[in-house]
Amino acid sequence: MVSGAIRSAPVFAALGDVTRLELLSRLSDGKQHSIVQLADGLQLTRQGVTKHLQVLKRAGVVSCKRIGRESRFTIRPKPIAKAKEYLSRASAQWDDAIDRLRASVEE
């Protein structure tokens, strides 16, 4: 069984960039968006946006569908939800460790 950390690492790496977070925010409405739509208002070329989208695609957080000559991107929430679950478990483990440390210090 692959650990949550190993499974979530590519997602965390992909989300570690402000541009990619902005692209995910734009995709969060659940609709398909073209590169032109996603690039609108960003200080990047369409080619730059495409490179960021490819990182997100490799991490599994977006999917791409060709419609004619256009690529349409949509968010895939499941990998993000799995990463969130991992963070929740890790947070609970740290909370338990801090509680044990506090109890030890207070004794």
PDB file of N, CA and C in Angstrom:
ATOM      1  N   MET A   1       0.843  -1.196   0.000  1.00  0.00           N
ATOM      2  CA  MET A   1       0.000   0.000   0.000  1.00  0.00           C
ATOM      3  C   MET A   1       0.881   1.250   0.000  1.00  0.00           C
ATOM      4  N   VAL A   2       0.602   2.168  -0.886  1.00  0.00           N
ATOM      5  CA  VAL A   2       1.362   3.401  -0.991  1.00  0.00           C
ATOM      6  C   VAL A   2       0.866   4.369   0.079  1.00  0.00           C
ATOM      7  N   SER A   3       1.817   4.989   0.780  1.00  0.00           N
ATOM      8  CA  SER A   3       1.424   5.902   1.855  1.00  0.00           C
ATOM      9  C   SER A   3       0.794   7.173   1.297  1.00  0.00           C
ATOM     10  N   GLY A   4      -0.002   7.824   2.148  1.00  0.00           N
ATOM     11  CA  GLY A   4      -0.654   9.075   1.761  1.00  0.00           C
ATOM     12  C   GLY A   4       0.343  10.143   1.393  1.00  0.00           C
ATOM     13  N   ALA A   5       1.494  10.159   2.084  1.00  0.00           N
ATOM     14  CA  ALA A   5       2.511  11.170   1.799  1.00  0.00           C
ATOM     15  C   ALA A   5       3.069  10.994   0.398  1.00  0.00           C
ATOM     16  N   ILE A   6       3.366   9.756   0.032  1.00  0.00           N
ATOM     17  CA  ILE A   6       3.929   9.498  -1.303  1.00  0.00           C
ATOM     18  C   ILE A   6       2.903   9.829  -2.379  1.00  0.00           C
ATOM     19  N   ARG A   7       1.652   9.453  -2.133  1.00  0.00           N
ATOM     20  CA  ARG A   7       0.584   9.709  -3.108  1.00  0.00           C
ATOM     21  C   ARG A   7       0.305  11.199  -3.252  1.00  0.00           C
ATOM     22  N   SER A   8       0.431  11.940  -2.158  1.00  0.00           N
ATOM     23  CA  SER A   8       0.082  13.363  -2.166  1.00  0.00           C
ATOM     24  C   SER A   8       1.238  14.275  -2.561  1.00  0.00           C
ATOM     25  N   ALA A   9       2.461  13.795  -2.527  1.00  0.00           N
ATOM     26  CA  ALA A   9       3.618  14.645  -2.809  1.00  0.00           C
ATOM     27  C   ALA A   9       3.530  15.368  -4.158  1.00  0.00           C
ATOM     28  N   PRO A  10       3.153  14.698  -5.252  1.00  0.00           N
ATOM     29  CA  PRO A  10       3.049  15.429  -6.528  1.00  0.00           C
ATOM     30  C   PRO A  10       1.993  16.538  -6.489  1.00  0.00           C
ATOM     31  N   VAL A  11       0.917  16.298  -5.761  1.00  0.00           N
ATOM     32  CA  VAL A  11      -0.129  17.319  -5.640  1.00  0.00           C
ATOM     33  C   VAL A  11       0.422  18.524  -4.889  1.00  0.00           C
ATOM     34  N   PHE A  12       1.102  18.275  -3.762  1.00  0.00           N
ATOM     35  CA  PHE A  12       1.680  19.381  -3.001  1.00  0.00           C
ATOM     36  C   PHE A  12       2.713  20.151  -3.825  1.00  0.00           C
ATOM     37  N   ALA A  13       3.529  19.433  -4.580  1.00  0.00           N
ATOM     38  CA  ALA A  13       4.530  20.090  -5.424  1.00  0.00           C
ATOM     39  C   ALA A  13       3.847  20.969  -6.474  1.00  0.00           C
ATOM     40  N   ALA A  14       2.793  20.442  -7.087  1.00  0.00           N
ATOM     41  CA  ALA A  14       2.083  21.210  -8.119  1.00  0.00           C
ATOM     42  C   ALA A  14       1.395  22.436  -7.527  1.00  0.00           C
ATOM     43  N   LEU A  15       0.915  22.327  -6.302  1.00  0.00           N
ATOM     44  CA  LEU A  15       0.206  23.440  -5.673  1.00  0.00           C
ATOM     45  C   LEU A  15       1.152  24.462  -5.057  1.00  0.00           C
ATOM     46  N   GLY A  16       2.447  24.193  -5.108  1.00  0.00           N
ATOM     47  CA  GLY A  16       3.433  25.078  -4.502  1.00  0.00           C
ATOM     48  C   GLY A  16       3.819  26.262  -5.371  1.00  0.00           C
ATOM     49  N   ASP A  17       2.954  26.688  -6.233  1.00  0.00           N
ATOM     50  CA  ASP A  17       3.231  27.810  -7.127  1.00  0.00           C
ATOM     51  C   ASP A  17       1.981  28.684  -7.197  1.00  0.00           C
ATOM     52  N   VAL A  18       2.159  29.983  -7.038  1.00  0.00           N
ATOM     53  CA  VAL A  18       1.023  30.899  -6.995  1.00  0.00           C
ATOM     54  C   VAL A  18       0.238  30.917  -8.312  1.00  0.00           C
ATOM     55  N   THR A  19       0.919  30.779  -9.432  1.00  0.00           N
ATOM     56  CA  THR A  19       0.229  30.765 -10.727  1.00  0.00           C
ATOM     57  C   THR A  19      -0.649  29.531 -10.849  1.00  0.00           C
ATOM     58  N   ARG A  20      -0.126  28.376 -10.441  1.00  0.00           N
ATOM     59  CA  ARG A  20      -0.922  27.155 -10.519  1.00  0.00           C
ATOM     60  C   ARG A  20      -2.104  27.208  -9.559  1.00  0.00           C
ATOM     61  N   LEU A  21      -1.916  27.818  -8.395  1.00  0.00           N
ATOM     62  CA  LEU A  21      -3.047  27.992  -7.480  1.00  0.00           C
ATOM     63  C   LEU A  21      -4.115  28.888  -8.101  1.00  0.00           C
ATOM     64  N   GLU A  22      -3.687  29.927  -8.799  1.00  0.00           N
ATOM     65  CA  GLU A  22      -4.638  30.812  -9.479  1.00  0.00           C
ATOM     66  C   GLU A  22      -5.384  30.059 -10.578  1.00  0.00           C
ATOM     67  N   LEU A  23      -4.670  29.240 -11.325  1.00  0.00           N
ATOM     68  CA  LEU A  23      -5.326  28.460 -12.379  1.00  0.00           C
ATOM     69  C   LEU A  23      -6.357  27.503 -11.779  1.00  0.00           C
ATOM     70  N   LEU A  24      -6.011  26.855 -10.677  1.00  0.00           N
ATOM     71  CA  LEU A  24      -6.978  25.967 -10.024  1.00  0.00           C
ATOM     72  C   LEU A  24      -8.180  26.738  -9.513  1.00  0.00           C
ATOM     73  N   SER A  25      -7.936  27.934  -9.015  1.00  0.00           N
ATOM     74  CA  SER A  25      -9.044  28.770  -8.556  1.00  0.00           C
ATOM     75  C   SER A  25      -9.992  29.072  -9.715  1.00  0.00           C
ATOM     76  N   ARG A  26      -9.422  29.351 -10.868  1.00  0.00           N
ATOM     77  CA  ARG A  26     -10.247  29.634 -12.052  1.00  0.00           C
ATOM     78  C   ARG A  26     -10.999  28.400 -12.527  1.00  0.00           C
ATOM     79  N   LEU A  27     -10.431  27.229 -12.289  1.00  0.00           N
ATOM     80  CA  LEU A  27     -11.071  25.983 -12.694  1.00  0.00           C
ATOM     81  C   LEU A  27     -12.055  25.454 -11.650  1.00  0.00           C
ATOM     82  N   SER A  28     -12.080  26.058 -10.495  1.00  0.00           N
ATOM     83  CA  SER A  28     -12.874  25.523  -9.386  1.00  0.00           C
ATOM     84  C   SER A  28     -14.381  25.617  -9.610  1.00  0.00           C
ATOM     85  N   ASP A  29     -14.813  26.290 -10.665  1.00  0.00           N
ATOM     86  CA  ASP A  29     -16.251  26.347 -10.950  1.00  0.00           C
ATOM     87  C   ASP A  29     -16.756  25.049 -11.588  1.00  0.00           C
ATOM     88  N   GLY A  30     -15.816  24.126 -11.881  1.00  0.00           N
ATOM     89  CA  GLY A  30     -16.201  22.829 -12.427  1.00  0.00           C
ATOM     90  C   GLY A  30     -16.434  22.815 -13.927  1.00  0.00           C
ATOM     91  N   LYS A  31     -16.306  23.959 -14.570  1.00  0.00           N
ATOM     92  CA  LYS A  31     -16.527  24.043 -16.016  1.00  0.00           C
ATOM     93  C   LYS A  31     -15.224  23.784 -16.774  1.00  0.00           C
ATOM     94  N   GLN A  32     -15.361  23.492 -18.057  1.00  0.00           N
ATOM     95  CA  GLN A  32     -14.193  23.359 -18.925  1.00  0.00           C
ATOM     96  C   GLN A  32     -13.731  24.752 -19.344  1.00  0.00           C
ATOM     97  N   HIS A  33     -12.413  24.959 -19.315  1.00  0.00           N
ATOM     98  CA  HIS A  33     -11.858  26.256 -19.706  1.00  0.00           C
ATOM     99  C   HIS A  33     -10.739  26.048 -20.717  1.00  0.00           C
ATOM    100  N   SER A  34     -10.707  26.917 -21.696  1.00  0.00           N
ATOM    101  CA  SER A  34      -9.628  26.890 -22.679  1.00  0.00           C
ATOM    102  C   SER A  34      -8.408  27.601 -22.098  1.00  0.00           C
ATOM    103  N   ILE A  35      -7.287  27.398 -22.742  1.00  0.00           N
ATOM    104  CA  ILE A  35      -6.058  28.073 -22.319  1.00  0.00           C
ATOM    105  C   ILE A  35      -6.226  29.580 -22.449  1.00  0.00           C
ATOM    106  N   VAL A  36      -6.891  30.027 -23.500  1.00  0.00           N
ATOM    107  CA  VAL A  36      -7.137  31.461 -23.699  1.00  0.00           C
ATOM    108  C   VAL A  36      -7.935  32.022 -22.526  1.00  0.00           C
ATOM    109  N   GLN A  37      -8.978  31.322 -22.124  1.00  0.00           N
ATOM    110  CA  GLN A  37      -9.783  31.775 -20.988  1.00  0.00           C
ATOM    111  C   GLN A  37      -8.958  31.808 -19.700  1.00  0.00           C
ATOM    112  N   LEU A  38      -8.163  30.779 -19.490  1.00  0.00           N
ATOM    113  CA  LEU A  38      -7.375  30.704 -18.258  1.00  0.00           C
ATOM    114  C   LEU A  38      -6.252  31.741 -18.227  1.00  0.00           C
ATOM    115  N   ALA A  39      -5.729  32.097 -19.396  1.00  0.00           N
ATOM    116  CA  ALA A  39      -4.636  33.066 -19.463  1.00  0.00           C
ATOM    117  C   ALA A  39      -5.117  34.501 -19.307  1.00  0.00           C
ATOM    118  N   ASP A  40      -6.401  34.735 -19.494  1.00  0.00           N
ATOM    119  CA  ASP A  40      -6.956  36.086 -19.446  1.00  0.00           C
ATOM    120  C   ASP A  40      -6.651  36.762 -18.103  1.00  0.00           C
ATOM    121  N   GLY A  41      -5.978  37.890 -18.176  1.00  0.00           N
ATOM    122  CA  GLY A  41      -5.660  38.661 -16.974  1.00  0.00           C
ATOM    123  C   GLY A  41      -4.384  38.243 -16.264  1.00  0.00           C
ATOM    124  N   LEU A  42      -3.759  37.165 -16.690  1.00  0.00           N
ATOM    125  CA  LEU A  42      -2.490  36.744 -16.095  1.00  0.00           C
ATOM    126  C   LEU A  42      -1.332  37.413 -16.833  1.00  0.00           C
ATOM    127  N   GLN A  43      -0.260  37.608 -16.147  1.00  0.00           N
ATOM    128  CA  GLN A  43       0.929  38.201 -16.758  1.00  0.00           C
ATOM    129  C   GLN A  43       1.813  37.121 -17.379  1.00  0.00           C
ATOM    130  N   LEU A  44       1.166  36.172 -18.061  1.00  0.00           N
ATOM    131  CA  LEU A  44       1.870  35.072 -18.707  1.00  0.00           C
ATOM    132  C   LEU A  44       1.360  34.903 -20.130  1.00  0.00           C
ATOM    133  N   THR A  45       2.209  34.351 -20.957  1.00  0.00           N
ATOM    134  CA  THR A  45       1.764  33.986 -22.305  1.00  0.00           C
ATOM    135  C   THR A  45       0.917  32.722 -22.217  1.00  0.00           C
ATOM    136  N   ARG A  46       0.216  32.422 -23.273  1.00  0.00           N
ATOM    137  CA  ARG A  46      -0.543  31.174 -23.308  1.00  0.00           C
ATOM    138  C   ARG A  46       0.390  29.974 -23.190  1.00  0.00           C
ATOM    139  N   GLN A  47       1.578  30.101 -23.754  1.00  0.00           N
ATOM    140  CA  GLN A  47       2.558  29.016 -23.649  1.00  0.00           C
ATOM    141  C   GLN A  47       2.978  28.818 -22.189  1.00  0.00           C
ATOM    142  N   GLY A  48       3.157  29.913 -21.453  1.00  0.00           N
ATOM    143  CA  GLY A  48       3.488  29.820 -20.034  1.00  0.00           C
ATOM    144  C   GLY A  48       2.367  29.171 -19.239  1.00  0.00           C
ATOM    145  N   VAL A  49       1.131  29.544 -19.538  1.00  0.00           N
ATOM    146  CA  VAL A  49      -0.026  28.941 -18.871  1.00  0.00           C
ATOM    147  C   VAL A  49      -0.090  27.453 -19.191  1.00  0.00           C
ATOM    148  N   THR A  50       0.185  27.102 -20.442  1.00  0.00           N
ATOM    149  CA  THR A  50       0.172  25.698 -20.850  1.00  0.00           C
ATOM    150  C   THR A  50       1.179  24.890 -20.036  1.00  0.00           C
ATOM    151  N   LYS A  51       2.353  25.433 -19.820  1.00  0.00           N
ATOM    152  CA  LYS A  51       3.374  24.716 -19.035  1.00  0.00           C
ATOM    153  C   LYS A  51       2.882  24.475 -17.608  1.00  0.00           C
ATOM    154  N   HIS A  52       2.258  25.474 -17.007  1.00  0.00           N
ATOM    155  CA  HIS A  52       1.720  25.307 -15.658  1.00  0.00           C
ATOM    156  C   HIS A  52       0.589  24.273 -15.648  1.00  0.00           C
ATOM    157  N   LEU A  53      -0.246  24.294 -16.658  1.00  0.00           N
ATOM    158  CA  LEU A  53      -1.338  23.321 -16.743  1.00  0.00           C
ATOM    159  C   LEU A  53      -0.802  21.903 -16.902  1.00  0.00           C
ATOM    160  N   GLN A  54       0.304  21.747 -17.603  1.00  0.00           N
ATOM    161  CA  GLN A  54       0.902  20.417 -17.766  1.00  0.00           C
ATOM    162  C   GLN A  54       1.414  19.890 -16.423  1.00  0.00           C
ATOM    163  N   VAL A  55       1.963  20.763 -15.585  1.00  0.00           N
ATOM    164  CA  VAL A  55       2.395  20.355 -14.236  1.00  0.00           C
ATOM    165  C   VAL A  55       1.185  19.876 -13.440  1.00  0.00           C
ATOM    166  N   LEU A  56       0.099  20.631 -13.504  1.00  0.00           N
ATOM    167  CA  LEU A  56      -1.123  20.252 -12.794  1.00  0.00           C
ATOM    168  C   LEU A  56      -1.688  18.942 -13.341  1.00  0.00           C
ATOM    169  N   LYS A  57      -1.587  18.758 -14.647  1.00  0.00           N
ATOM    170  CA  LYS A  57      -2.079  17.529 -15.270  1.00  0.00           C
ATOM    171  C   LYS A  57      -1.256  16.327 -14.826  1.00  0.00           C
ATOM    172  N   ARG A  58       0.068  16.467 -14.807  1.00  0.00           N
ATOM    173  CA  ARG A  58       0.933  15.364 -14.361  1.00  0.00           C
ATOM    174  C   ARG A  58       0.658  14.996 -12.903  1.00  0.00           C
ATOM    175  N   ALA A  59       0.293  15.993 -12.092  1.00  0.00           N
ATOM    176  CA  ALA A  59      -0.035  15.735 -10.684  1.00  0.00           C
ATOM    177  C   ALA A  59      -1.438  15.151 -10.534  1.00  0.00           C
ATOM    178  N   GLY A  60      -2.206  15.141 -11.612  1.00  0.00           N
ATOM    179  CA  GLY A  60      -3.531  14.544 -11.592  1.00  0.00           C
ATOM    180  C   GLY A  60      -4.643  15.457 -11.117  1.00  0.00           C
ATOM    181  N   VAL A  61      -4.362  16.752 -10.947  1.00  0.00           N
ATOM    182  CA  VAL A  61      -5.390  17.650 -10.413  1.00  0.00           C
ATOM    183  C   VAL A  61      -6.207  18.351 -11.499  1.00  0.00           C
ATOM    184  N   VAL A  62      -5.782  18.235 -12.746  1.00  0.00           N
ATOM    185  CA  VAL A  62      -6.605  18.715 -13.858  1.00  0.00           C
ATOM    186  C   VAL A  62      -6.601  17.653 -14.951  1.00  0.00           C
ATOM    187  N   SER A  63      -7.628  17.690 -15.761  1.00  0.00           N
ATOM    188  CA  SER A  63      -7.671  16.830 -16.937  1.00  0.00           C
ATOM    189  C   SER A  63      -7.835  17.717 -18.155  1.00  0.00           C
ATOM    190  N   CYS A  64      -7.477  17.161 -19.292  1.00  0.00           N
ATOM    191  CA  CYS A  64      -7.520  17.923 -20.541  1.00  0.00           C
ATOM    192  C   CYS A  64      -8.289  17.132 -21.586  1.00  0.00           C
ATOM    193  N   LYS A  65      -9.113  17.848 -22.311  1.00  0.00           N
ATOM    194  CA  LYS A  65      -9.898  17.236 -23.394  1.00  0.00           C
ATOM    195  C   LYS A  65      -9.740  18.118 -24.626  1.00  0.00           C
ATOM    196  N   ARG A  66      -9.439  17.486 -25.740  1.00  0.00           N
ATOM    197  CA  ARG A  66      -9.319  18.219 -27.007  1.00  0.00           C
ATOM    198  C   ARG A  66     -10.699  18.358 -27.630  1.00  0.00           C
ATOM    199  N   ILE A  67     -11.041  19.583 -27.981  1.00  0.00           N
ATOM    200  CA  ILE A  67     -12.278  19.867 -28.712  1.00  0.00           C
ATOM    201  C   ILE A  67     -11.857  20.665 -29.935  1.00  0.00           C
ATOM    202  N   GLY A  68     -11.810  19.982 -31.067  1.00  0.00           N
ATOM    203  CA  GLY A  68     -11.287  20.612 -32.277  1.00  0.00           C
ATOM    204  C   GLY A  68      -9.813  20.911 -32.102  1.00  0.00           C
ATOM    205  N   ARG A  69      -9.438  22.158 -32.302  1.00  0.00           N
ATOM    206  CA  ARG A  69      -8.041  22.568 -32.142  1.00  0.00           C
ATOM    207  C   ARG A  69      -7.753  23.086 -30.743  1.00  0.00           C
ATOM    208  N   GLU A  70      -8.750  23.069 -29.895  1.00  0.00           N
ATOM    209  CA  GLU A  70      -8.631  23.686 -28.580  1.00  0.00           C
ATOM    210  C   GLU A  70      -8.538  22.630 -27.477  1.00  0.00           C
ATOM    211  N   SER A  71      -7.690  22.895 -26.501  1.00  0.00           N
ATOM    212  CA  SER A  71      -7.611  22.058 -25.310  1.00  0.00           C
ATOM    213  C   SER A  71      -8.476  22.695 -24.230  1.00  0.00           C
ATOM    214  N   ARG A  72      -9.306  21.874 -23.597  1.00  0.00           N
ATOM    215  CA  ARG A  72     -10.180  22.340 -22.518  1.00  0.00           C
ATOM    216  C   ARG A  72      -9.768  21.629 -21.238  1.00  0.00           C
ATOM    217  N   PHE A  73      -9.579  22.406 -20.185  1.00  0.00           N
ATOM    218  CA  PHE A  73      -9.127  21.869 -18.909  1.00  0.00           C
ATOM    219  C   PHE A  73     -10.231  21.925 -17.875  1.00  0.00           C
ATOM    220  N   THR A  74     -10.277  20.890 -17.040  1.00  0.00           N
ATOM    221  CA  THR A  74     -11.201  20.842 -15.909  1.00  0.00           C
ATOM    222  C   THR A  74     -10.439  20.361 -14.676  1.00  0.00           C
ATOM    223  N   ILE A  75     -10.951  20.746 -13.530  1.00  0.00           N
ATOM    224  CA  ILE A  75     -10.332  20.334 -12.272  1.00  0.00           C
ATOM    225  C   ILE A  75     -10.746  18.907 -11.948  1.00  0.00           C
ATOM    226  N   ARG A  76      -9.834  18.177 -11.323  1.00  0.00           N
ATOM    227  CA  ARG A  76     -10.117  16.834 -10.812  1.00  0.00           C
ATOM    228  C   ARG A  76      -9.984  16.919  -9.298  1.00  0.00           C
ATOM    229  N   PRO A  77     -11.080  17.033  -8.577  1.00  0.00           N
ATOM    230  CA  PRO A  77     -11.008  17.292  -7.136  1.00  0.00           C
ATOM    231  C   PRO A  77     -10.529  16.117  -6.283  1.00  0.00           C
ATOM    232  N   LYS A  78     -10.633  14.887  -6.780  1.00  0.00           N
ATOM    233  CA  LYS A  78     -10.283  13.734  -5.944  1.00  0.00           C
ATOM    234  C   LYS A  78      -8.837  13.752  -5.443  1.00  0.00           C
ATOM    235  N   PRO A  79      -7.828  14.014  -6.288  1.00  0.00           N
ATOM    236  CA  PRO A  79      -6.451  14.059  -5.768  1.00  0.00           C
ATOM    237  C   PRO A  79      -6.255  15.162  -4.721  1.00  0.00           C
ATOM    238  N   ILE A  80      -6.951  16.270  -4.887  1.00  0.00           N
ATOM    239  CA  ILE A  80      -6.856  17.356  -3.903  1.00  0.00           C
ATOM    240  C   ILE A  80      -7.513  16.923  -2.594  1.00  0.00           C
ATOM    241  N   ALA A  81      -8.642  16.234  -2.684  1.00  0.00           N
ATOM    242  CA  ALA A  81      -9.321  15.733  -1.488  1.00  0.00           C
ATOM    243  C   ALA A  81      -8.449  14.721  -0.756  1.00  0.00           C
ATOM    244  N   LYS A  82      -7.762  13.851  -1.505  1.00  0.00           N
ATOM    245  CA  LYS A  82      -6.854  12.872  -0.886  1.00  0.00           C
ATOM    246  C   LYS A  82      -5.709  13.579  -0.165  1.00  0.00           C
ATOM    247  N   ALA A  83      -5.157  14.633  -0.773  1.00  0.00           N
ATOM    248  CA  ALA A  83      -4.092  15.400  -0.129  1.00  0.00           C
ATOM    249  C   ALA A  83      -4.621  16.085   1.129  1.00  0.00           C
ATOM    250  N   LYS A  84      -5.836  16.575   1.073  1.00  0.00           N
ATOM    251  CA  LYS A  84      -6.451  17.202   2.245  1.00  0.00           C
ATOM    252  C   LYS A  84      -6.630  16.185   3.372  1.00  0.00           C
ATOM    253  N   GLU A  85      -7.066  14.970   3.026  1.00  0.00           N
ATOM    254  CA  GLU A  85      -7.200  13.906   4.021  1.00  0.00           C
ATOM    255  C   GLU A  85      -5.853  13.616   4.679  1.00  0.00           C
ATOM    256  N   TYR A  86      -4.802  13.549   3.867  1.00  0.00           N
ATOM    257  CA  TYR A  86      -3.459  13.314   4.411  1.00  0.00           C
ATOM    258  C   TYR A  86      -3.084  14.428   5.389  1.00  0.00           C
ATOM    259  N   LEU A  87      -3.336  15.683   5.010  1.00  0.00           N
ATOM    260  CA  LEU A  87      -3.009  16.799   5.894  1.00  0.00           C
ATOM    261  C   LEU A  87      -3.816  16.745   7.186  1.00  0.00           C
ATOM    262  N   SER A  88      -5.062  16.329   7.100  1.00  0.00           N
ATOM    263  CA  SER A  88      -5.894  16.210   8.297  1.00  0.00           C
ATOM    264  C   SER A  88      -5.336  15.147   9.240  1.00  0.00           C
ATOM    265  N   ARG A  89      -4.922  14.003   8.683  1.00  0.00           N
ATOM    266  CA  ARG A  89      -4.327  12.952   9.521  1.00  0.00           C
ATOM    267  C   ARG A  89      -3.015  13.427  10.139  1.00  0.00           C
ATOM    268  N   ALA A  90      -2.178  14.083   9.340  1.00  0.00           N
ATOM    269  CA  ALA A  90      -0.901  14.579   9.853  1.00  0.00           C
ATOM    270  C   ALA A  90      -1.133  15.629  10.940  1.00  0.00           C
ATOM    271  N   SER A  91      -2.120  16.482  10.735  1.00  0.00           N
ATOM    272  CA  SER A  91      -2.449  17.506  11.719  1.00  0.00           C
ATOM    273  C   SER A  91      -2.898  16.866  13.036  1.00  0.00           C
ATOM    274  N   ALA A  92      -3.727  15.837  12.949  1.00  0.00           N
ATOM    275  CA  ALA A  92      -4.192  15.139  14.155  1.00  0.00           C
ATOM    276  C   ALA A  92      -3.020  14.487  14.884  1.00  0.00           C
ATOM    277  N   GLN A  93      -2.075  13.912  14.132  1.00  0.00           N
ATOM    278  CA  GLN A  93      -0.896  13.304  14.754  1.00  0.00           C
ATOM    279  C   GLN A  93      -0.067  14.357  15.490  1.00  0.00           C
ATOM    280  N   TRP A  94       0.103  15.520  14.875  1.00  0.00           N
ATOM    281  CA  TRP A  94       0.854  16.588  15.533  1.00  0.00           C
ATOM    282  C   TRP A  94       0.111  17.109  16.757  1.00  0.00           C
ATOM    283  N   ASP A  95      -1.198  17.227  16.659  1.00  0.00           N
ATOM    284  CA  ASP A  95      -1.986  17.662  17.820  1.00  0.00           C
ATOM    285  C   ASP A  95      -1.814  16.683  18.974  1.00  0.00           C
ATOM    286  N   ASP A  96      -1.843  15.382  18.679  1.00  0.00           N
ATOM    287  CA  ASP A  96      -1.635  14.361  19.719  1.00  0.00           C
ATOM    288  C   ASP A  96      -0.244  14.474  20.329  1.00  0.00           C
ATOM    289  N   ALA A  97       0.761  14.680  19.477  1.00  0.00           N
ATOM    290  CA  ALA A  97       2.138  14.805  19.978  1.00  0.00           C
ATOM    291  C   ALA A  97       2.277  16.033  20.869  1.00  0.00           C
ATOM    292  N   ILE A  98       1.675  17.126  20.483  1.00  0.00           N
ATOM    293  CA  ILE A  98       1.738  18.353  21.296  1.00  0.00           C
ATOM    294  C   ILE A  98       1.008  18.143  22.615  1.00  0.00           C
ATOM    295  N   ASP A  99      -0.125  17.466  22.590  1.00  0.00           N
ATOM    296  CA  ASP A  99      -0.856  17.180  23.828  1.00  0.00           C
ATOM    297  C   ASP A  99      -0.029  16.310  24.771  1.00  0.00           C
ATOM    298  N   ARG A 100       0.654  15.296  24.205  1.00  0.00           N
ATOM    299  CA  ARG A 100       1.521  14.442  25.042  1.00  0.00           C
ATOM    300  C   ARG A 100       2.670  15.245  25.623  1.00  0.00           C
ATOM    301  N   LEU A 101       3.270  16.112  24.819  1.00  0.00           N
ATOM    302  CA  LEU A 101       4.362  16.942  25.301  1.00  0.00           C
ATOM    303  C   LEU A 101       3.876  17.888  26.397  1.00  0.00           C
ATOM    304  N   ARG A 102       2.731  18.490  26.187  1.00  0.00           N
ATOM    305  CA  ARG A 102       2.154  19.407  27.191  1.00  0.00           C
ATOM    306  C   ARG A 102       1.904  18.650  28.508  1.00  0.00           C
ATOM    307  N   ALA A 103       1.330  17.470  28.400  1.00  0.00           N
ATOM    308  CA  ALA A 103       1.053  16.668  29.606  1.00  0.00           C
ATOM    309  C   ALA A 103       2.337  16.294  30.310  1.00  0.00           C
ATOM    310  N   SER A 104       3.362  15.974  29.550  1.00  0.00           N
ATOM    311  CA  SER A 104       4.658  15.620  30.129  1.00  0.00           C
ATOM    312  C   SER A 104       5.295  16.793  30.838  1.00  0.00           C
ATOM    313  N   VAL A 105       5.208  17.968  30.260  1.00  0.00           N
ATOM    314  CA  VAL A 105       5.806  19.169  30.843  1.00  0.00           C
ATOM    315  C   VAL A 105       5.044  19.583  32.091  1.00  0.00           C
ATOM    316  N   GLU A 106       3.726  19.400  32.089  1.00  0.00           N
ATOM    317  CA  GLU A 106       2.896  19.821  33.210  1.00  0.00           C
ATOM    318  C   GLU A 106       2.990  18.886  34.399  1.00  0.00           C
ATOM    319  N   GLU A 107       3.558  17.673  34.207  1.00  0.00           N
ATOM    320  CA  GLU A 107       3.665  16.727  35.325  1.00  0.00           C
ATOM    321  C   GLU A 107       4.691  17.135  36.333  1.00  0.00           C
TER     322      GLU A 107
END
